[in-house]
All heavy atoms as atom14 arrays in JSON, in Angstrom:
{
  "sequence": "ERPTYVLIAGVTSILLVGCWQSVPGVVWSVHSEPG",
  "atom14_mask": [
    [1, 1, 1, 1, 1, 1, 1, 1, 1, 0, 0, 0, 0, 0],
    [1, 1, 1, 1, 1, 1, 1, 1, 1, 1, 1, 0, 0, 0],
    [1, 1, 1, 1, 1, 1, 1, 0, 0, 0, 0, 0, 0, 0],
    [1, 1, 1, 1, 1, 1, 1, 0, 0, 0, 0, 0, 0, 0],
    [1, 1, 1, 1, 1, 1, 1, 1, 1, 1, 1, 1, 0, 0],
    [1, 1, 1, 1, 1, 1, 1, 0, 0, 0, 0, 0, 0, 0],
    [1, 1, 1, 1, 1, 1, 1, 1, 0, 0, 0, 0, 0, 0],
    [1, 1, 1, 1, 1, 1, 1, 1, 0, 0, 0, 0, 0, 0],
    [1, 1, 1, 1, 1, 0, 0, 0, 0, 0, 0, 0, 0, 0],
    [1, 1, 1, 1, 0, 0, 0, 0, 0, 0, 0, 0, 0, 0],
    [1, 1, 1, 1, 1, 1, 1, 0, 0, 0, 0, 0, 0, 0],
    [1, 1, 1, 1, 1, 1, 1, 0, 0, 0, 0, 0, 0, 0],
    [1, 1, 1, 1, 1, 1, 0, 0, 0, 0, 0, 0, 0, 0],
    [1, 1, 1, 1, 1, 1, 1, 1, 0, 0, 0, 0, 0, 0],
    [1, 1, 1, 1, 1, 1, 1, 1, 0, 0, 0, 0, 0, 0],
    [1, 1, 1, 1, 1, 1, 1, 1, 0, 0, 0, 0, 0, 0],
    [1, 1, 1, 1, 1, 1, 1, 0, 0, 0, 0, 0, 0, 0],
    [1, 1, 1, 1, 0, 0, 0, 0, 0, 0, 0, 0, 0, 0],
    [1, 1, 1, 1, 1, 1, 0, 0, 0, 0, 0, 0, 0, 0],
    [1, 1, 1, 1, 1, 1, 1, 1, 1, 1, 1, 1, 1, 1],
    [1, 1, 1, 1, 1, 1, 1, 1, 1, 0, 0, 0, 0, 0],
    [1, 1, 1, 1, 1, 1, 0, 0, 0, 0, 0, 0, 0, 0],
    [1, 1, 1, 1, 1, 1, 1, 0, 0, 0, 0, 0, 0, 0],
    [1, 1, 1, 1, 1, 1, 1, 0, 0, 0, 0, 0, 0, 0],
    [1, 1, 1, 1, 0, 0, 0, 0, 0, 0, 0, 0, 0, 0],
    [1, 1, 1, 1, 1, 1, 1, 0, 0, 0, 0, 0, 0, 0],
    [1, 1, 1, 1, 1, 1, 1, 0, 0, 0, 0, 0, 0, 0],
    [1, 1, 1, 1, 1, 1, 1, 1, 1, 1, 1, 1, 1, 1],
    [1, 1, 1, 1, 1, 1, 0, 0, 0, 0, 0, 0, 0, 0],
    [1, 1, 1, 1, 1, 1, 1, 0, 0, 0, 0, 0, 0, 0],
    [1, 1, 1, 1, 1, 1, 1, 1, 1, 1, 0, 0, 0, 0],
    [1, 1, 1, 1, 1, 1, 0, 0, 0, 0, 0, 0, 0, 0],
    [1, 1, 1, 1, 1, 1, 1, 1, 1, 0, 0, 0, 0, 0],
    [1, 1, 1, 1, 1, 1, 1, 0, 0, 0, 0, 0, 0, 0],
    [1, 1, 1, 1, 0, 0, 0, 0, 0, 0, 0, 0, 0, 0]
  ],
  "atom14_positions": [
    [[93.55, 101.19, 97.28], [94.45, 101.8, 98.39], [95.63, 102.45, 97.79], [95.96, 103.59, 98.06], [94.85, 100.68, 99.34], [95.73, 101.25, 100.46], [97.23, 101.1, 100.19], [97.65, 99.97, 99.55], [98.03, 101.94, 100.46], [0.0, 0.0, 0.0], [0.0, 0.0, 0.0], [0.0, 0.0, 0.0], [0.0, 0.0, 0.0], [0.0, 0.0, 0.0]],
    [[96.48, 101.71, 96.92], [97.58, 102.29, 96.38], [97.41, 103.55, 95.47], [98.03, 104.48, 95.5], [98.35, 101.29, 95.65], [99.76, 101.65, 95.07], [100.7, 102.11, 96.27], [101.98, 102.65, 95.85], [102.98, 103.05, 96.66], [102.81, 102.87, 97.94], [103.93, 103.58, 96.11], [0.0, 0.0, 0.0], [0.0, 0.0, 0.0], [0.0, 0.0, 0.0]],
    [[96.3, 103.39, 94.61], [96.03, 104.58, 93.78], [95.67, 105.79, 94.66], [95.92, 106.98, 94.29], [94.81, 104.1, 92.97], [94.98, 102.7, 92.9], [95.62, 102.18, 94.18], [0.0, 0.0, 0.0], [0.0, 0.0, 0.0], [0.0, 0.0, 0.0], [0.0, 0.0, 0.0], [0.0, 0.0, 0.0], [0.0, 0.0, 0.0], [0.0, 0.0, 0.0]],
    [[94.99, 105.6, 95.82], [94.74, 106.72, 96.7], [96.04, 107.33, 97.2], [96.08, 108.57, 97.28], [93.87, 106.26, 97.9], [92.62, 105.69, 97.38], [93.58, 107.38, 98.79], [0.0, 0.0, 0.0], [0.0, 0.0, 0.0], [0.0, 0.0, 0.0], [0.0, 0.0, 0.0], [0.0, 0.0, 0.0], [0.0, 0.0, 0.0], [0.0, 0.0, 0.0]],
    [[96.91, 106.55, 97.53], [98.31, 107.06, 97.93], [98.92, 107.86, 96.8], [99.42, 109.06, 97.03], [99.2, 106.03, 98.38], [100.63, 106.39, 98.7], [100.98, 106.78, 100.01], [101.62, 106.54, 97.67], [102.22, 107.18, 100.34], [102.87, 107.01, 97.96], [103.16, 107.28, 99.25], [104.44, 107.72, 99.59], [0.0, 0.0, 0.0], [0.0, 0.0, 0.0]],
    [[98.85, 107.4, 95.58], [99.47, 108.02, 94.44], [98.71, 109.42, 94.15], [99.31, 110.35, 93.89], [99.39, 107.2, 93.28], [99.79, 107.85, 91.95], [100.33, 105.82, 93.46], [0.0, 0.0, 0.0], [0.0, 0.0, 0.0], [0.0, 0.0, 0.0], [0.0, 0.0, 0.0], [0.0, 0.0, 0.0], [0.0, 0.0, 0.0], [0.0, 0.0, 0.0]],
    [[97.35, 109.31, 94.2], [96.55, 110.56, 94.07], [96.9, 111.59, 95.01], [97.18, 112.76, 94.65], [95.08, 110.13, 94.14], [94.09, 111.36, 94.07], [94.08, 112.01, 92.76], [92.71, 110.9, 94.45], [0.0, 0.0, 0.0], [0.0, 0.0, 0.0], [0.0, 0.0, 0.0], [0.0, 0.0, 0.0], [0.0, 0.0, 0.0], [0.0, 0.0, 0.0]],
    [[96.9, 111.25, 96.31], [97.22, 112.31, 97.32], [98.72, 112.79, 97.2], [99.03, 113.91, 97.42], [96.91, 111.74, 98.7], [95.38, 111.52, 98.88], [97.35, 112.66, 99.8], [94.9, 110.95, 100.16], [0.0, 0.0, 0.0], [0.0, 0.0, 0.0], [0.0, 0.0, 0.0], [0.0, 0.0, 0.0], [0.0, 0.0, 0.0], [0.0, 0.0, 0.0]],
    [[99.63, 111.88, 96.88], [100.97, 112.18, 96.65], [101.02, 113.24, 95.56], [101.74, 114.28, 95.66], [101.85, 110.98, 96.22], [0.0, 0.0, 0.0], [0.0, 0.0, 0.0], [0.0, 0.0, 0.0], [0.0, 0.0, 0.0], [0.0, 0.0, 0.0], [0.0, 0.0, 0.0], [0.0, 0.0, 0.0], [0.0, 0.0, 0.0], [0.0, 0.0, 0.0]],
    [[100.41, 113.02, 94.38], [100.28, 114.03, 93.31], [99.79, 115.26, 93.78], [100.28, 116.38, 93.46], [0.0, 0.0, 0.0], [0.0, 0.0, 0.0], [0.0, 0.0, 0.0], [0.0, 0.0, 0.0], [0.0, 0.0, 0.0], [0.0, 0.0, 0.0], [0.0, 0.0, 0.0], [0.0, 0.0, 0.0], [0.0, 0.0, 0.0], [0.0, 0.0, 0.0]],
    [[98.61, 115.31, 94.32], [97.85, 116.52, 94.76], [98.75, 117.32, 95.69], [98.93, 118.63, 95.49], [96.53, 116.26, 95.36], [95.93, 117.54, 95.85], [95.64, 115.7, 94.29], [0.0, 0.0, 0.0], [0.0, 0.0, 0.0], [0.0, 0.0, 0.0], [0.0, 0.0, 0.0], [0.0, 0.0, 0.0], [0.0, 0.0, 0.0], [0.0, 0.0, 0.0]],
    [[99.36, 116.61, 96.62], [100.14, 117.44, 97.71], [101.52, 117.87, 97.1], [101.9, 119.0, 97.48], [100.46, 116.58, 98.95], [101.0, 115.21, 98.49], [99.25, 116.22, 99.66], [0.0, 0.0, 0.0], [0.0, 0.0, 0.0], [0.0, 0.0, 0.0], [0.0, 0.0, 0.0], [0.0, 0.0, 0.0], [0.0, 0.0, 0.0], [0.0, 0.0, 0.0]],
    [[101.95, 117.26, 96.12], [103.25, 117.68, 95.39], [102.9, 118.98, 94.57], [103.71, 119.94, 94.56], [103.69, 116.65, 94.47], [104.24, 115.51, 95.21], [0.0, 0.0, 0.0], [0.0, 0.0, 0.0], [0.0, 0.0, 0.0], [0.0, 0.0, 0.0], [0.0, 0.0, 0.0], [0.0, 0.0, 0.0], [0.0, 0.0, 0.0], [0.0, 0.0, 0.0]],
    [[101.76, 119.02, 93.88], [101.36, 120.26, 93.18], [101.17, 121.42, 94.14], [101.59, 122.5, 93.91], [100.16, 119.98, 92.35], [100.5, 118.94, 91.19], [99.56, 121.25, 91.69], [99.24, 118.49, 90.47], [0.0, 0.0, 0.0], [0.0, 0.0, 0.0], [0.0, 0.0, 0.0], [0.0, 0.0, 0.0], [0.0, 0.0, 0.0], [0.0, 0.0, 0.0]],
    [[100.48, 121.09, 95.23], [100.17, 122.13, 96.3], [101.63, 122.54, 96.92], [101.64, 123.75, 97.23], [99.23, 121.65, 97.3], [97.78, 121.39, 96.89], [96.97, 120.78, 98.09], [97.16, 122.68, 96.44], [0.0, 0.0, 0.0], [0.0, 0.0, 0.0], [0.0, 0.0, 0.0], [0.0, 0.0, 0.0], [0.0, 0.0, 0.0], [0.0, 0.0, 0.0]],
    [[102.43, 121.68, 97.13], [103.76, 122.05, 97.77], [104.53, 123.14, 96.83], [104.89, 124.24, 97.47], [104.67, 120.89, 97.76], [106.06, 121.09, 98.33], [106.0, 121.28, 99.86], [106.97, 119.89, 97.98], [0.0, 0.0, 0.0], [0.0, 0.0, 0.0], [0.0, 0.0, 0.0], [0.0, 0.0, 0.0], [0.0, 0.0, 0.0], [0.0, 0.0, 0.0]],
    [[104.6, 122.8, 95.55], [105.18, 123.84, 94.69], [104.39, 124.99, 94.49], [104.87, 126.07, 94.42], [105.42, 123.11, 93.3], [106.03, 124.12, 92.23], [106.37, 122.03, 93.51], [0.0, 0.0, 0.0], [0.0, 0.0, 0.0], [0.0, 0.0, 0.0], [0.0, 0.0, 0.0], [0.0, 0.0, 0.0], [0.0, 0.0, 0.0], [0.0, 0.0, 0.0]],
    [[103.1, 124.78, 94.44], [102.18, 126.02, 94.24], [102.04, 126.98, 95.31], [101.65, 128.15, 95.13], [0.0, 0.0, 0.0], [0.0, 0.0, 0.0], [0.0, 0.0, 0.0], [0.0, 0.0, 0.0], [0.0, 0.0, 0.0], [0.0, 0.0, 0.0], [0.0, 0.0, 0.0], [0.0, 0.0, 0.0], [0.0, 0.0, 0.0], [0.0, 0.0, 0.0]],
    [[102.3, 126.55, 96.52], [102.23, 127.3, 97.77], [103.53, 127.74, 98.18], [103.66, 128.35, 99.31], [101.39, 126.72, 98.83], [99.66, 126.34, 98.4], [0.0, 0.0, 0.0], [0.0, 0.0, 0.0], [0.0, 0.0, 0.0], [0.0, 0.0, 0.0], [0.0, 0.0, 0.0], [0.0, 0.0, 0.0], [0.0, 0.0, 0.0], [0.0, 0.0, 0.0]],
    [[104.6, 127.24, 97.51], [106.05, 127.61, 98.0], [106.33, 129.07, 98.03], [105.88, 129.75, 97.08], [107.03, 126.77, 97.2], [108.28, 126.64, 97.76], [109.49, 127.35, 97.52], [108.7, 125.63, 98.72], [110.56, 126.95, 98.19], [110.17, 125.89, 99.05], [108.05, 124.58, 99.36], [110.8, 125.05, 99.84], [108.84, 123.84, 100.26], [110.12, 124.06, 100.5]],
    [[107.03, 129.55, 99.02], [107.44, 130.96, 98.98], [108.89, 131.19, 98.71], [109.74, 130.42, 99.05], [107.17, 131.52, 100.46], [105.66, 131.46, 100.91], [104.74, 132.44, 99.98], [104.9, 133.65, 100.14], [103.98, 131.9, 99.19], [0.0, 0.0, 0.0], [0.0, 0.0, 0.0], [0.0, 0.0, 0.0], [0.0, 0.0, 0.0], [0.0, 0.0, 0.0]],
    [[109.2, 132.22, 97.94], [110.52, 132.58, 97.59], [111.29, 133.0, 98.8], [110.86, 133.76, 99.6], [110.59, 133.72, 96.52], [109.95, 133.23, 95.37], [0.0, 0.0, 0.0], [0.0, 0.0, 0.0], [0.0, 0.0, 0.0], [0.0, 0.0, 0.0], [0.0, 0.0, 0.0], [0.0, 0.0, 0.0], [0.0, 0.0, 0.0], [0.0, 0.0, 0.0]],
    [[112.62, 132.58, 98.85], [113.56, 132.9, 99.86], [114.73, 133.69, 99.06], [115.26, 133.19, 98.19], [114.11, 131.86, 100.67], [115.07, 132.27, 101.69], [113.02, 130.96, 101.26], [0.0, 0.0, 0.0], [0.0, 0.0, 0.0], [0.0, 0.0, 0.0], [0.0, 0.0, 0.0], [0.0, 0.0, 0.0], [0.0, 0.0, 0.0], [0.0, 0.0, 0.0]],
    [[114.99, 134.93, 99.48], [115.96, 135.78, 98.75], [117.42, 135.19, 98.91], [117.65, 134.63, 99.9], [115.81, 137.18, 99.33], [115.25, 137.0, 100.75], [114.32, 135.82, 100.6], [0.0, 0.0, 0.0], [0.0, 0.0, 0.0], [0.0, 0.0, 0.0], [0.0, 0.0, 0.0], [0.0, 0.0, 0.0], [0.0, 0.0, 0.0], [0.0, 0.0, 0.0]],
    [[118.17, 135.31, 97.9], [119.61, 134.92, 97.91], [119.87, 133.85, 96.98], [119.01, 133.06, 96.52], [0.0, 0.0, 0.0], [0.0, 0.0, 0.0], [0.0, 0.0, 0.0], [0.0, 0.0, 0.0], [0.0, 0.0, 0.0], [0.0, 0.0, 0.0], [0.0, 0.0, 0.0], [0.0, 0.0, 0.0], [0.0, 0.0, 0.0], [0.0, 0.0, 0.0]],
    [[121.15, 133.69, 96.62], [121.71, 132.78, 95.8], [122.83, 132.08, 96.48], [123.8, 132.75, 96.99], [122.15, 133.23, 94.38], [122.86, 132.06, 93.59], [121.09, 133.91, 93.65], [0.0, 0.0, 0.0], [0.0, 0.0, 0.0], [0.0, 0.0, 0.0], [0.0, 0.0, 0.0], [0.0, 0.0, 0.0], [0.0, 0.0, 0.0], [0.0, 0.0, 0.0]],
    [[122.87, 130.69, 96.62], [123.83, 129.99, 97.33], [125.06, 129.76, 96.47], [126.25, 129.88, 96.83], [123.33, 128.57, 97.92], [124.43, 127.95, 98.68], [122.13, 128.93, 98.77], [0.0, 0.0, 0.0], [0.0, 0.0, 0.0], [0.0, 0.0, 0.0], [0.0, 0.0, 0.0], [0.0, 0.0, 0.0], [0.0, 0.0, 0.0], [0.0, 0.0, 0.0]],
    [[124.87, 129.28, 95.23], [125.85, 129.07, 94.26], [125.32, 129.29, 92.84], [124.13, 128.98, 92.58], [126.68, 127.78, 94.28], [125.86, 126.52, 93.96], [125.51, 126.21, 92.6], [125.44, 125.5, 94.75], [124.9, 124.96, 92.6], [124.87, 124.47, 93.85], [125.63, 125.19, 96.13], [124.32, 123.27, 94.47], [125.03, 123.99, 96.62], [124.45, 123.14, 95.76]],
    [[126.16, 129.67, 92.03], [125.74, 129.79, 90.52], [126.87, 129.46, 89.61], [127.99, 130.12, 89.82], [125.26, 131.26, 90.31], [124.87, 131.39, 88.97], [0.0, 0.0, 0.0], [0.0, 0.0, 0.0], [0.0, 0.0, 0.0], [0.0, 0.0, 0.0], [0.0, 0.0, 0.0], [0.0, 0.0, 0.0], [0.0, 0.0, 0.0], [0.0, 0.0, 0.0]],
    [[126.74, 128.55, 88.76], [127.77, 128.0, 87.93], [127.64, 128.96, 86.59], [126.7, 128.66, 85.83], [127.72, 126.6, 87.64], [128.81, 126.19, 86.55], [127.86, 125.75, 88.88], [0.0, 0.0, 0.0], [0.0, 0.0, 0.0], [0.0, 0.0, 0.0], [0.0, 0.0, 0.0], [0.0, 0.0, 0.0], [0.0, 0.0, 0.0], [0.0, 0.0, 0.0]],
    [[128.63, 129.67, 86.28], [128.58, 130.57, 85.12], [129.15, 129.96, 83.89], [128.9, 130.38, 82.78], [129.18, 131.93, 85.42], [128.5, 132.73, 86.51], [127.25, 133.24, 86.43], [128.89, 132.96, 87.8], [126.91, 133.73, 87.61], [127.97, 133.66, 88.55], [0.0, 0.0, 0.0], [0.0, 0.0, 0.0], [0.0, 0.0, 0.0], [0.0, 0.0, 0.0]],
    [[130.13, 128.94, 84.07], [130.64, 128.32, 83.02], [129.66, 127.45, 82.3], [128.97, 126.62, 82.93], [131.8, 127.38, 83.4], [132.16, 126.48, 82.6], [0.0, 0.0, 0.0], [0.0, 0.0, 0.0], [0.0, 0.0, 0.0], [0.0, 0.0, 0.0], [0.0, 0.0, 0.0], [0.0, 0.0, 0.0], [0.0, 0.0, 0.0], [0.0, 0.0, 0.0]],
    [[129.55, 127.7, 81.05], [128.57, 126.87, 80.17], [128.79, 125.43, 80.18], [127.83, 124.64, 80.4], [128.48, 127.39, 78.65], [127.41, 126.77, 77.9], [127.3, 127.35, 76.61], [127.9, 128.39, 76.3], [126.53, 126.81, 75.69], [0.0, 0.0, 0.0], [0.0, 0.0, 0.0], [0.0, 0.0, 0.0], [0.0, 0.0, 0.0], [0.0, 0.0, 0.0]],
    [[129.99, 125.05, 80.0], [130.26, 123.52, 80.1], [129.94, 122.94, 81.61], [129.29, 121.86, 81.68], [131.78, 123.34, 79.89], [132.06, 124.55, 79.05], [131.26, 125.58, 79.57], [0.0, 0.0, 0.0], [0.0, 0.0, 0.0], [0.0, 0.0, 0.0], [0.0, 0.0, 0.0], [0.0, 0.0, 0.0], [0.0, 0.0, 0.0], [0.0, 0.0, 0.0]],
    [[130.21, 123.61, 82.58], [129.97, 123.21, 83.97], [128.47, 123.26, 84.15], [127.93, 122.23, 84.8], [0.0, 0.0, 0.0], [0.0, 0.0, 0.0], [0.0, 0.0, 0.0], [0.0, 0.0, 0.0], [0.0, 0.0, 0.0], [0.0, 0.0, 0.0], [0.0, 0.0, 0.0], [0.0, 0.0, 0.0], [0.0, 0.0, 0.0], [0.0, 0.0, 0.0]]
  ]
}
């Protein structure tokens, strides 16, 4: 039972990233190298 949860969690996480769509725009960007 627990391995099945882990398996589906892994597969759905890969699909989540793999099917994600880009949204235009940048909210913040830290240009300082130390920051």
